[in-house]
Amino acid sequence: MLKDLIEYIAKALVDDPDSVHVTEIEGEQTSVIELKVAKEDLGKVIGKQGRTARAMRTILGASSTKNRKRSVLEILE
């Protein structure tokens, strides 16, 4: 569910939504969500001074609290 949320947000931000790839690595206490976008769209996902990325992490943190599991967003180049 959280993977789909991040994918939806990322596809809305970028120019090339087909290049958005999201993978989720589940652990016992933590799940890591990896976001990969086209190189030219990296700035759009990160935002000015990392504001967009921080906002996505905040949404992810709030959503994962409900599941009692910590979630981490990694933006890959």
Protein backbone atom coordinates (compact mmCIF):
# COMPACT_ATOMS: atom_id res chain seq x y z
CA MET A 1 0.00 0.00 0.00
CA LEU A 2 2.75 2.49 0.92
CA LYS A 3 4.65 1.49 -2.22
CA ASP A 4 1.60 2.41 -4.32
CA LEU A 5 1.28 5.75 -2.53
CA ILE A 6 4.89 6.75 -3.26
CA GLU A 7 4.55 5.57 -6.86
CA TYR A 8 1.38 7.66 -7.32
CA ILE A 9 3.01 10.81 -5.89
CA ALA A 10 6.21 10.34 -7.93
CA LYS A 11 4.34 9.78 -11.21
CA ALA A 12 2.37 12.99 -10.62
CA LEU A 13 5.61 14.98 -10.16
CA VAL A 14 7.78 13.79 -13.06
CA ASP A 15 7.73 14.41 -16.82
CA ASP A 16 8.35 10.74 -17.66
CA PRO A 17 5.98 8.66 -15.46
CA ASP A 18 6.93 5.43 -17.28
CA SER A 19 10.45 5.61 -15.86
CA VAL A 20 9.23 5.60 -12.23
CA HIS A 21 10.13 2.35 -10.46
CA VAL A 22 9.31 1.68 -6.82
CA THR A 23 10.46 -1.39 -4.90
CA GLU A 24 9.74 -2.29 -1.30
CA ILE A 25 12.12 -4.28 0.88
CA GLU A 26 10.29 -5.66 3.90
CA GLY A 27 12.08 -6.23 7.20
CA GLU A 28 10.77 -7.20 10.62
CA GLN A 29 10.67 -3.67 12.05
CA THR A 30 11.39 -1.53 9.02
CA SER A 31 10.45 -1.48 5.36
CA VAL A 32 12.62 0.36 2.86
CA ILE A 33 10.94 1.88 -0.18
CA GLU A 34 13.31 2.59 -3.05
CA LEU A 35 12.29 5.17 -5.65
CA LYS A 36 14.04 5.33 -9.00
CA VAL A 37 13.19 7.98 -11.61
CA ALA A 38 14.75 9.23 -14.85
CA LYS A 39 17.90 11.29 -14.30
CA GLU A 40 16.27 14.48 -15.64
CA ASP A 41 13.34 14.08 -13.21
CA LEU A 42 15.50 13.62 -10.10
CA GLY A 43 15.35 17.33 -9.25
CA LYS A 44 11.56 17.36 -9.41
CA VAL A 45 11.29 14.47 -6.94
CA ILE A 46 13.82 15.99 -4.53
CA GLY A 47 12.56 19.58 -4.82
CA LYS A 48 14.14 22.82 -3.69
CA GLN A 49 16.38 22.14 -0.68
CA GLY A 50 14.85 18.66 -0.49
CA ARG A 51 11.38 19.92 0.41
CA THR A 52 9.45 17.56 -1.87
CA ALA A 53 11.45 14.53 -0.71
CA ARG A 54 10.94 15.59 2.92
CA ALA A 55 7.20 15.93 2.34
CA MET A 56 7.05 12.44 0.80
CA ARG A 57 8.97 11.06 3.80
CA THR A 58 6.56 12.79 6.19
CA ILE A 59 3.54 11.26 4.44
CA LEU A 60 5.26 7.88 4.49
CA GLY A 61 6.07 8.21 8.19
CA ALA A 62 2.50 9.14 9.06
CA SER A 63 1.13 6.25 7.02
CA SER A 64 3.57 3.72 8.47
CA THR A 65 2.71 4.71 12.05
CA LYS A 66 -0.72 3.24 11.45
CA ASN A 67 0.91 -0.11 10.54
CA ARG A 68 3.26 0.09 13.56
CA LYS A 69 6.20 -0.35 11.25
CA ARG A 70 8.91 2.14 10.37
CA SER A 71 9.24 3.04 6.68
CA VAL A 72 12.21 4.67 5.02
CA LEU A 73 12.22 6.31 1.57
CA GLU A 74 15.42 5.99 -0.46
CA ILE A 75 15.69 7.97 -3.69
CA LEU A 76 18.11 6.20 -6.02
CA GLU A 77 20.07 7.84 -8.85
